[in-house]
Amino acid sequence: MLKQLITLALALLVSSSCLATDLKVGDKAPDFRLQSTDGNFYQLSDYLGKQTLVLAWYPMANTHGCTLECRSLVQKGHLIREYQAVYMMASVDDLEDNQDFAKKQKADFPMLSDPSKETAKAYDVLNFVRVASRVTFYIGKDGTIIKIDEDINAETAAEDIAENLKLLGIEKVTKL
């Protein structure tokens, strides 16, 4: 019984953002350069002056909540793509684990790996069980954090991101 309680407590801590980030809206977002499941490297500075960046941290590939969040982004990512924004998921998992996860979920967006945990530390999302807390950062074209969402509903992640982009006044993509 004790082992089950400990396992449940750890699962709850991993799935929630148990420690709020010290970063605040208005702060400059830490730059990063992380490898993605598509083999490319992505960095925040590539998007400055161009698009809003949505960086969704998640605890661990192939776990229940993370699978739900990824599926939401795959199935309803078109709602986010209506805005001048790019979205990515990030974890401290090894690239191989994330590649397996992305393949299983048919992810059509970058899933970043931070096995050194340096970027997770810079974003202050690394929790005491040494995985990232589920926190989504909205970073404006100027590199400033414009929203931090620590109350993530994994099942409706895509709809919630699209709604937040709308509330933040992010421009829609103009169709020709």
N, C-alpha and C. Protein backbone atom coordinates (compact mmCIF):
# COMPACT_ATOMS: atom_id res chain seq x y z
N MET A 1 0.83 -1.19 0.00
CA MET A 1 0.00 0.00 0.00
C MET A 1 0.87 1.27 0.00
N LEU A 2 1.93 1.27 0.80
CA LEU A 2 2.81 2.44 0.86
C LEU A 2 3.46 2.70 -0.50
N LYS A 3 3.89 1.62 -1.15
CA LYS A 3 4.52 1.77 -2.47
C LYS A 3 3.53 2.40 -3.46
N GLN A 4 2.26 2.00 -3.42
CA GLN A 4 1.24 2.55 -4.30
C GLN A 4 1.02 4.04 -4.01
N LEU A 5 1.01 4.40 -2.75
CA LEU A 5 0.83 5.81 -2.38
C LEU A 5 2.00 6.66 -2.86
N ILE A 6 3.20 6.14 -2.70
CA ILE A 6 4.39 6.87 -3.16
C ILE A 6 4.35 7.03 -4.68
N THR A 7 4.00 5.96 -5.40
CA THR A 7 3.90 6.02 -6.85
C THR A 7 2.84 7.04 -7.28
N LEU A 8 1.70 7.04 -6.61
CA LEU A 8 0.64 8.00 -6.93
C LEU A 8 1.10 9.43 -6.66
N ALA A 9 1.77 9.65 -5.54
CA ALA A 9 2.26 11.00 -5.21
C ALA A 9 3.26 11.48 -6.25
N LEU A 10 4.18 10.61 -6.67
CA LEU A 10 5.15 10.99 -7.69
C LEU A 10 4.47 11.28 -9.02
N ALA A 11 3.49 10.48 -9.39
CA ALA A 11 2.77 10.70 -10.64
C ALA A 11 2.06 12.04 -10.62
N LEU A 12 1.45 12.39 -9.50
CA LEU A 12 0.77 13.68 -9.40
C LEU A 12 1.75 14.83 -9.49
N LEU A 13 2.91 14.68 -8.86
CA LEU A 13 3.91 15.74 -8.91
C LEU A 13 4.48 15.91 -10.30
N VAL A 14 4.71 14.80 -10.99
CA VAL A 14 5.27 14.87 -12.34
C VAL A 14 4.26 15.50 -13.29
N SER A 15 2.99 15.20 -13.13
CA SER A 15 1.99 15.68 -14.09
C SER A 15 1.57 17.12 -13.83
N SER A 16 1.87 17.65 -12.69
CA SER A 16 1.49 19.03 -12.42
C SER A 16 2.73 19.89 -12.33
N SER A 17 2.53 21.17 -12.38
CA SER A 17 3.67 22.07 -12.22
C SER A 17 3.77 22.40 -10.74
N CYS A 18 4.47 21.55 -10.01
CA CYS A 18 4.50 21.66 -8.56
C CYS A 18 5.28 22.87 -8.08
N LEU A 19 6.15 23.40 -8.87
CA LEU A 19 6.90 24.59 -8.49
C LEU A 19 6.71 25.65 -9.56
N ALA A 20 6.17 26.77 -9.18
CA ALA A 20 5.96 27.85 -10.14
C ALA A 20 7.31 28.38 -10.62
N THR A 21 7.33 28.78 -11.86
CA THR A 21 8.55 29.33 -12.44
C THR A 21 8.83 30.71 -11.87
N ASP A 22 10.11 31.05 -11.76
CA ASP A 22 10.50 32.40 -11.32
C ASP A 22 10.44 33.40 -12.46
N LEU A 23 10.36 32.91 -13.69
CA LEU A 23 10.21 33.82 -14.83
C LEU A 23 8.82 34.46 -14.76
N LYS A 24 8.73 35.68 -15.27
CA LYS A 24 7.47 36.41 -15.24
C LYS A 24 7.16 36.97 -16.62
N VAL A 25 5.89 37.26 -16.82
CA VAL A 25 5.48 37.96 -18.03
C VAL A 25 6.27 39.27 -18.08
N GLY A 26 6.82 39.58 -19.23
CA GLY A 26 7.64 40.78 -19.40
C GLY A 26 9.13 40.49 -19.37
N ASP A 27 9.51 39.33 -18.83
CA ASP A 27 10.93 38.94 -18.82
C ASP A 27 11.34 38.50 -20.22
N LYS A 28 12.63 38.67 -20.53
CA LYS A 28 13.18 38.10 -21.75
C LYS A 28 13.25 36.58 -21.57
N ALA A 29 12.78 35.86 -22.56
CA ALA A 29 12.84 34.40 -22.52
C ALA A 29 14.28 33.96 -22.73
N PRO A 30 14.72 32.97 -21.99
CA PRO A 30 16.08 32.45 -22.23
C PRO A 30 16.18 31.84 -23.64
N ASP A 31 17.26 32.17 -24.33
CA ASP A 31 17.47 31.57 -25.65
C ASP A 31 17.84 30.10 -25.44
N PHE A 32 17.65 29.32 -26.43
CA PHE A 32 17.99 27.91 -26.36
C PHE A 32 18.36 27.43 -27.75
N ARG A 33 19.04 26.32 -27.79
CA ARG A 33 19.34 25.61 -29.04
C ARG A 33 19.21 24.13 -28.72
N LEU A 34 18.09 23.55 -29.14
CA LEU A 34 17.80 22.15 -28.82
C LEU A 34 17.51 21.36 -30.08
N GLN A 35 17.87 20.08 -30.04
CA GLN A 35 17.60 19.22 -31.18
C GLN A 35 16.17 18.69 -31.10
N SER A 36 15.57 18.59 -32.26
CA SER A 36 14.19 18.14 -32.38
C SER A 36 14.12 16.72 -32.92
N THR A 37 12.95 16.16 -32.79
CA THR A 37 12.70 14.81 -33.30
C THR A 37 12.87 14.72 -34.81
N ASP A 38 12.82 15.87 -35.51
CA ASP A 38 13.03 15.85 -36.96
C ASP A 38 14.51 15.94 -37.33
N GLY A 39 15.39 15.95 -36.32
CA GLY A 39 16.83 15.99 -36.55
C GLY A 39 17.41 17.39 -36.61
N ASN A 40 16.57 18.40 -36.76
CA ASN A 40 17.04 19.78 -36.83
C ASN A 40 17.23 20.36 -35.43
N PHE A 41 18.01 21.43 -35.37
CA PHE A 41 18.17 22.19 -34.14
C PHE A 41 17.28 23.42 -34.22
N TYR A 42 16.64 23.76 -33.13
CA TYR A 42 15.77 24.93 -33.06
C TYR A 42 16.28 25.83 -31.95
N GLN A 43 16.19 27.13 -32.21
CA GLN A 43 16.56 28.09 -31.18
C GLN A 43 15.61 29.27 -31.22
N LEU A 44 15.38 29.83 -30.05
CA LEU A 44 14.46 30.95 -29.92
C LEU A 44 14.85 32.10 -30.84
N SER A 45 16.12 32.41 -30.92
CA SER A 45 16.56 33.57 -31.69
C SER A 45 16.18 33.47 -33.17
N ASP A 46 15.91 32.26 -33.67
CA ASP A 46 15.48 32.11 -35.07
C ASP A 46 14.09 32.71 -35.31
N TYR A 47 13.31 32.89 -34.27
CA TYR A 47 11.92 33.35 -34.40
C TYR A 47 11.75 34.82 -34.04
N LEU A 48 12.80 35.44 -33.50
CA LEU A 48 12.70 36.84 -33.11
C LEU A 48 12.38 37.70 -34.32
N GLY A 49 11.42 38.58 -34.15
CA GLY A 49 11.00 39.47 -35.22
C GLY A 49 10.10 38.82 -36.25
N LYS A 50 9.82 37.53 -36.10
CA LYS A 50 9.06 36.81 -37.13
C LYS A 50 7.73 36.28 -36.61
N GLN A 51 7.77 35.49 -35.54
CA GLN A 51 6.57 34.82 -35.07
C GLN A 51 6.57 34.73 -33.55
N THR A 52 5.38 34.56 -33.01
CA THR A 52 5.24 34.20 -31.60
C THR A 52 5.63 32.73 -31.48
N LEU A 53 6.32 32.39 -30.41
CA LEU A 53 6.71 31.01 -30.17
C LEU A 53 5.98 30.49 -28.94
N VAL A 54 5.34 29.35 -29.09
CA VAL A 54 4.69 28.67 -27.97
C VAL A 54 5.56 27.46 -27.64
N LEU A 55 6.12 27.48 -26.44
CA LEU A 55 7.01 26.41 -25.98
C LEU A 55 6.32 25.67 -24.84
N ALA A 56 5.86 24.45 -25.13
CA ALA A 56 5.09 23.65 -24.17
C ALA A 56 6.00 22.58 -23.56
N TRP A 57 6.40 22.79 -22.30
CA TRP A 57 7.21 21.80 -21.60
C TRP A 57 6.32 20.67 -21.12
N TYR A 58 6.81 19.45 -21.20
CA TYR A 58 6.07 18.29 -20.71
C TYR A 58 7.02 17.37 -19.94
N PRO A 59 6.48 16.62 -18.98
CA PRO A 59 7.34 15.82 -18.10
C PRO A 59 8.09 14.68 -18.76
N MET A 60 7.39 13.78 -19.49
CA MET A 60 8.07 12.58 -19.94
C MET A 60 7.33 11.93 -21.12
N ALA A 61 8.08 11.59 -22.14
CA ALA A 61 7.52 10.93 -23.32
C ALA A 61 6.86 9.61 -22.93
N ASN A 62 5.81 9.29 -23.68
CA ASN A 62 5.10 8.02 -23.54
C ASN A 62 4.41 7.83 -22.19
N THR A 63 4.08 8.92 -21.51
CA THR A 63 3.28 8.84 -20.29
C THR A 63 1.88 9.34 -20.63
N HIS A 64 0.93 9.03 -19.77
CA HIS A 64 -0.48 9.28 -20.07
C HIS A 64 -0.78 10.75 -20.41
N GLY A 65 -0.47 11.65 -19.49
CA GLY A 65 -0.79 13.07 -19.70
C GLY A 65 -0.06 13.67 -20.88
N CYS A 66 1.18 13.28 -21.07
CA CYS A 66 1.97 13.80 -22.18
C CYS A 66 1.45 13.28 -23.52
N THR A 67 0.98 12.04 -23.51
CA THR A 67 0.38 11.47 -24.71
C THR A 67 -0.90 12.22 -25.06
N LEU A 68 -1.72 12.51 -24.06
CA LEU A 68 -2.96 13.27 -24.31
C LEU A 68 -2.65 14.65 -24.88
N GLU A 69 -1.63 15.32 -24.31
CA GLU A 69 -1.27 16.66 -24.79
C GLU A 69 -0.78 16.61 -26.23
N CYS A 70 0.09 15.66 -26.52
CA CYS A 70 0.63 15.53 -27.87
C CYS A 70 -0.48 15.22 -28.87
N ARG A 71 -1.38 14.31 -28.50
CA ARG A 71 -2.49 13.98 -29.39
C ARG A 71 -3.36 15.19 -29.68
N SER A 72 -3.60 16.00 -28.66
CA SER A 72 -4.39 17.22 -28.87
C SER A 72 -3.72 18.12 -29.89
N LEU A 73 -2.40 18.29 -29.77
CA LEU A 73 -1.67 19.16 -30.69
C LEU A 73 -1.62 18.58 -32.10
N VAL A 74 -1.59 17.26 -32.21
CA VAL A 74 -1.60 16.62 -33.53
C VAL A 74 -2.99 16.77 -34.16
N GLN A 75 -4.02 16.44 -33.40
CA GLN A 75 -5.37 16.41 -33.95
C GLN A 75 -5.97 17.80 -34.19
N LYS A 76 -5.58 18.77 -33.35
CA LYS A 76 -6.19 20.10 -33.46
C LYS A 76 -5.16 21.21 -33.66
N GLY A 77 -3.96 20.84 -34.10
CA GLY A 77 -2.91 21.82 -34.33
C GLY A 77 -3.29 22.86 -35.37
N HIS A 78 -4.21 22.51 -36.27
CA HIS A 78 -4.66 23.47 -37.29
C HIS A 78 -5.24 24.73 -36.65
N LEU A 79 -5.79 24.61 -35.45
CA LEU A 79 -6.32 25.79 -34.75
C LEU A 79 -5.20 26.76 -34.39
N ILE A 80 -4.06 26.23 -34.02
CA ILE A 80 -2.90 27.06 -33.67
C ILE A 80 -2.27 27.64 -34.93
N ARG A 81 -2.22 26.84 -35.98
CA ARG A 81 -1.59 27.29 -37.22
C ARG A 81 -2.37 28.41 -37.91
N GLU A 82 -3.56 28.74 -37.42
CA GLU A 82 -4.31 29.89 -37.94
C GLU A 82 -3.66 31.21 -37.52
N TYR A 83 -2.76 31.13 -36.53
CA TYR A 83 -2.11 32.33 -35.99
C TYR A 83 -0.66 32.41 -36.45
N GLN A 84 -0.11 33.61 -36.40
CA GLN A 84 1.30 33.81 -36.73
C GLN A 84 2.13 33.37 -35.53
N ALA A 85 2.12 32.07 -35.33
CA ALA A 85 2.81 31.48 -34.19
C ALA A 85 3.31 30.09 -34.58
N VAL A 86 4.35 29.67 -33.93
CA VAL A 86 4.87 28.33 -34.08
C VAL A 86 4.83 27.69 -32.69
N TYR A 87 4.53 26.39 -32.65
CA TYR A 87 4.48 25.72 -31.36
C TYR A 87 5.39 24.51 -31.36
N MET A 88 5.94 24.24 -30.17
CA MET A 88 6.85 23.13 -29.97
C MET A 88 6.61 22.55 -28.59
N MET A 89 6.86 21.27 -28.45
CA MET A 89 6.87 20.64 -27.14
C MET A 89 8.33 20.40 -26.77
N ALA A 90 8.64 20.41 -25.48
CA ALA A 90 10.01 20.19 -25.03
C ALA A 90 10.00 19.38 -23.74
N SER A 91 11.00 18.50 -23.64
CA SER A 91 11.17 17.72 -22.41
C SER A 91 12.66 17.49 -22.19
N VAL A 92 12.98 16.89 -21.05
CA VAL A 92 14.37 16.57 -20.76
C VAL A 92 14.69 15.14 -21.18
N ASP A 93 13.78 14.51 -21.92
CA ASP A 93 14.02 13.16 -22.44
C ASP A 93 15.15 13.16 -23.46
N ASP A 94 15.78 12.01 -23.61
CA ASP A 94 16.77 11.83 -24.67
C ASP A 94 16.09 11.94 -26.02
N LEU A 95 16.85 12.33 -27.03
CA LEU A 95 16.31 12.48 -28.37
C LEU A 95 15.65 11.19 -28.86
N GLU A 96 16.27 10.06 -28.61
CA GLU A 96 15.72 8.78 -29.08
C GLU A 96 14.34 8.52 -28.47
N ASP A 97 14.16 8.81 -27.19
CA ASP A 97 12.86 8.62 -26.54
C ASP A 97 11.82 9.54 -27.17
N ASN A 98 12.21 10.79 -27.42
CA ASN A 98 11.27 11.73 -28.04
C ASN A 98 10.96 11.34 -29.49
N GLN A 99 11.95 10.83 -30.21
CA GLN A 99 11.70 10.40 -31.58
C GLN A 99 10.71 9.24 -31.61
N ASP A 100 10.86 8.30 -30.70
CA ASP A 100 9.92 7.19 -30.60
C ASP A 100 8.52 7.71 -30.27
N PHE A 101 8.44 8.61 -29.32
CA PHE A 101 7.17 9.22 -28.91
C PHE A 101 6.52 9.96 -30.08
N ALA A 102 7.30 10.79 -30.76
CA ALA A 102 6.79 11.57 -31.89
C ALA A 102 6.28 10.65 -33.00
N LYS A 103 7.01 9.59 -33.26
CA LYS A 103 6.59 8.65 -34.30
C LYS A 103 5.27 7.98 -33.92
N LYS A 104 5.16 7.52 -32.69
CA LYS A 104 3.93 6.85 -32.22
C LYS A 104 2.73 7.79 -32.30
N GLN A 105 2.95 9.06 -31.98
CA GLN A 105 1.85 10.02 -31.93
C GLN A 105 1.65 10.75 -33.26
N LYS A 106 2.52 10.49 -34.23
CA LYS A 106 2.47 11.15 -35.53
C LYS A 106 2.58 12.68 -35.39
N ALA A 107 3.48 13.10 -34.52
CA ALA A 107 3.68 14.53 -34.27
C ALA A 107 4.13 15.24 -35.53
N ASP A 108 3.46 16.33 -35.85
CA ASP A 108 3.78 17.12 -37.05
C ASP A 108 4.34 18.48 -36.66
N PHE A 109 4.97 18.54 -35.53
CA PHE A 109 5.58 19.76 -35.00
C PHE A 109 6.85 19.34 -34.27
N PRO A 110 7.76 20.29 -34.03
CA PRO A 110 9.02 19.93 -33.35
C PRO A 110 8.79 19.52 -31.90
N MET A 111 9.43 18.43 -31.53
CA MET A 111 9.48 17.98 -30.13
C MET A 111 10.94 18.03 -29.73
N LEU A 112 11.26 18.95 -28.85
CA LEU A 112 12.65 19.25 -28.50
C LEU A 112 13.13 18.41 -27.33
N SER A 113 14.41 18.04 -27.38
CA SER A 113 15.03 17.25 -26.32
C SER A 113 16.08 18.09 -25.61
N ASP A 114 16.02 18.08 -24.29
CA ASP A 114 16.97 18.81 -23.45
C ASP A 114 17.57 17.86 -22.41
N PRO A 115 18.31 16.83 -22.87
CA PRO A 115 18.82 15.85 -21.91
C PRO A 115 19.82 16.43 -20.91
N SER A 116 20.47 17.54 -21.25
CA SER A 116 21.40 18.17 -20.29
C SER A 116 20.65 18.92 -19.20
N LYS A 117 19.37 19.19 -19.45
CA LYS A 117 18.47 19.90 -18.52
C LYS A 117 18.83 21.37 -18.34
N GLU A 118 19.78 21.88 -19.14
CA GLU A 118 20.19 23.28 -18.99
C GLU A 118 19.08 24.25 -19.39
N THR A 119 18.39 23.96 -20.47
CA THR A 119 17.30 24.85 -20.90
C THR A 119 16.13 24.76 -19.93
N ALA A 120 15.83 23.56 -19.45
CA ALA A 120 14.76 23.40 -18.45
C ALA A 120 15.09 24.21 -17.20
N LYS A 121 16.36 24.21 -16.80
CA LYS A 121 16.78 25.02 -15.64
C LYS A 121 16.62 26.50 -15.95
N ALA A 122 17.01 26.92 -17.15
CA ALA A 122 16.89 28.34 -17.52
C ALA A 122 15.44 28.80 -17.51
N TYR A 123 14.54 27.91 -17.91
CA TYR A 123 13.10 28.23 -17.89
C TYR A 123 12.47 27.93 -16.53
N ASP A 124 13.28 27.43 -15.61
CA ASP A 124 12.85 27.14 -14.25
C ASP A 124 11.66 26.18 -14.20
N VAL A 125 11.70 25.17 -15.05
CA VAL A 125 10.63 24.17 -15.07
C VAL A 125 11.10 22.81 -14.55
N LEU A 126 12.38 22.68 -14.24
CA LEU A 126 12.91 21.40 -13.77
C LEU A 126 12.47 21.21 -12.32
N ASN A 127 11.67 20.18 -12.08
CA ASN A 127 11.18 19.99 -10.72
C ASN A 127 12.07 19.03 -9.95
N PHE A 128 11.71 18.75 -8.70
CA PHE A 128 12.59 17.99 -7.83
C PHE A 128 12.72 16.52 -8.21
N VAL A 129 11.85 16.01 -9.09
CA VAL A 129 12.04 14.64 -9.60
C VAL A 129 12.83 14.66 -10.91
N ARG A 130 13.40 15.82 -11.24
CA ARG A 130 14.34 16.01 -12.35
C ARG A 130 13.72 15.84 -13.72
N VAL A 131 12.42 16.11 -13.83
CA VAL A 131 11.76 16.21 -15.12
C VAL A 131 11.12 17.59 -15.20
N ALA A 132 10.72 17.97 -16.39
CA ALA A 132 10.10 19.29 -16.57
C ALA A 132 8.66 19.26 -16.06
N SER A 133 8.27 20.31 -15.41
CA SER A 133 6.87 20.49 -15.06
C SER A 133 6.12 20.90 -16.32
N ARG A 134 4.82 20.63 -16.35
CA ARG A 134 4.00 20.95 -17.52
C ARG A 134 3.66 22.45 -17.46
N VAL A 135 4.43 23.23 -18.22
CA VAL A 135 4.27 24.69 -18.27
C VAL A 135 4.41 25.11 -19.73
N THR A 136 3.53 26.01 -20.18
CA THR A 136 3.60 26.51 -21.55
C THR A 136 3.95 27.99 -21.53
N PHE A 137 4.98 28.35 -22.28
CA PHE A 137 5.44 29.73 -22.40
C PHE A 137 5.02 30.28 -23.76
N TYR A 138 4.49 31.48 -23.76
CA TYR A 138 4.16 32.21 -24.98
C TYR A 138 5.19 33.33 -25.07
N ILE A 139 5.97 33.31 -26.14
CA ILE A 139 7.08 34.24 -26.28
C ILE A 139 6.83 35.10 -27.52
N GLY A 140 6.77 36.41 -27.31
CA GLY A 140 6.49 37.35 -28.38
C GLY A 140 7.64 37.46 -29.37
N LYS A 141 7.37 38.14 -30.48
CA LYS A 141 8.36 38.32 -31.54
C LYS A 141 9.62 39.01 -31.04
N ASP A 142 9.49 39.78 -29.97
CA ASP A 142 10.65 40.50 -29.43
C ASP A 142 11.42 39.68 -28.40
N GLY A 143 11.00 38.42 -28.17
CA GLY A 143 11.69 37.56 -27.22
C GLY A 143 11.22 37.71 -25.79
N THR A 144 10.18 38.50 -25.59
CA THR A 144 9.63 38.71 -24.26
C THR A 144 8.53 37.69 -23.97
N ILE A 145 8.52 37.20 -22.76
CA ILE A 145 7.46 36.28 -22.34
C ILE A 145 6.16 37.07 -22.22
N ILE A 146 5.13 36.65 -22.97
CA ILE A 146 3.85 37.36 -22.93
C ILE A 146 2.78 36.60 -22.16
N LYS A 147 3.03 35.34 -21.88
CA LYS A 147 2.11 34.55 -21.04
C LYS A 147 2.84 33.30 -20.58
N ILE A 148 2.55 32.91 -19.34
CA ILE A 148 3.02 31.64 -18.79
C ILE A 148 1.79 30.90 -18.30
N ASP A 149 1.55 29.74 -18.86
CA ASP A 149 0.38 28.95 -18.48
C ASP A 149 0.85 27.72 -17.71
N GLU A 150 0.50 27.69 -16.43
CA GLU A 150 0.86 26.55 -15.58
C GLU A 150 -0.34 25.67 -15.29
N ASP A 151 -1.49 26.00 -15.85
CA ASP A 151 -2.71 25.25 -15.62
C ASP A 151 -3.13 24.60 -16.94
N ILE A 152 -2.43 23.54 -17.30
CA ILE A 152 -2.60 22.91 -18.61
C ILE A 152 -3.60 21.75 -18.51
N ASN A 153 -4.57 21.77 -19.40
CA ASN A 153 -5.46 20.62 -19.57
C ASN A 153 -4.92 19.87 -20.79
N ALA A 154 -4.29 18.74 -20.55
CA ALA A 154 -3.63 18.01 -21.62
C ALA A 154 -4.58 17.64 -22.76
N GLU A 155 -5.81 17.31 -22.43
CA GLU A 155 -6.77 16.88 -23.46
C GLU A 155 -7.20 18.01 -24.40
N THR A 156 -7.14 19.25 -23.92
CA THR A 156 -7.58 20.39 -24.73
C THR A 156 -6.43 21.37 -24.99
N ALA A 157 -5.21 20.87 -24.98
CA ALA A 157 -4.04 21.74 -25.11
C ALA A 157 -4.09 22.60 -26.38
N ALA A 158 -4.42 22.01 -27.51
CA ALA A 158 -4.43 22.77 -28.77
C ALA A 158 -5.49 23.86 -28.75
N GLU A 159 -6.69 23.52 -28.32
CA GLU A 159 -7.76 24.52 -28.25
C GLU A 159 -7.39 25.64 -27.29
N ASP A 160 -6.79 25.27 -26.16
CA ASP A 160 -6.40 26.27 -25.16
C ASP A 160 -5.30 27.19 -25.69
N ILE A 161 -4.32 26.63 -26.38
CA ILE A 161 -3.26 27.45 -26.97
C ILE A 161 -3.86 28.42 -27.98
N ALA A 162 -4.73 27.93 -28.85
CA ALA A 162 -5.35 28.79 -29.86
C ALA A 162 -6.15 29.91 -29.18
N GLU A 163 -6.88 29.59 -28.14
CA GLU A 163 -7.66 30.60 -27.41
C GLU A 163 -6.73 31.64 -26.77
N ASN A 164 -5.63 31.17 -26.19
CA ASN A 164 -4.67 32.10 -25.59
C ASN A 164 -4.04 33.00 -26.64
N LEU A 165 -3.73 32.46 -27.81
CA LEU A 165 -3.18 33.29 -28.89
C LEU A 165 -4.19 34.37 -29.28
N LYS A 166 -5.45 33.99 -29.35
CA LYS A 166 -6.51 34.95 -29.67
C LYS A 166 -6.58 36.04 -28.59
N LEU A 167 -6.60 35.63 -27.32
CA LEU A 167 -6.69 36.59 -26.21
C LEU A 167 -5.47 37.49 -26.14
N LEU A 168 -4.32 36.98 -26.56
CA LEU A 168 -3.09 37.78 -26.57
C LEU A 168 -3.02 38.73 -27.76
N GLY A 169 -3.98 38.60 -28.68
CA GLY A 169 -4.00 39.49 -29.84
C GLY A 169 -3.00 39.12 -30.91
N ILE A 170 -2.60 37.88 -30.96
CA ILE A 170 -1.66 37.44 -31.99
C ILE A 170 -2.40 37.43 -33.33
N GLU A 171 -1.77 38.00 -34.34
CA GLU A 171 -2.40 38.11 -35.66
C GLU A 171 -2.65 36.74 -36.26
N LYS A 172 -3.72 36.68 -37.03
CA LYS A 172 -4.01 35.46 -37.77
C LYS A 172 -3.18 35.47 -39.05
N VAL A 173 -2.93 34.28 -39.56
CA VAL A 173 -2.21 34.13 -40.82
C VAL A 173 -3.12 34.63 -41.94
N THR A 174 -2.58 35.46 -42.79
CA THR A 174 -3.37 35.94 -43.93
C THR A 174 -3.30 34.92 -45.04
N LYS A 175 -4.47 34.59 -45.54
CA LYS A 175 -4.56 33.61 -46.63
C LYS A 175 -4.64 34.33 -47.95
N LEU A 176 -3.92 33.85 -48.91
CA LEU A 176 -3.90 34.46 -50.24
C LEU A 176 -5.01 33.93 -51.10
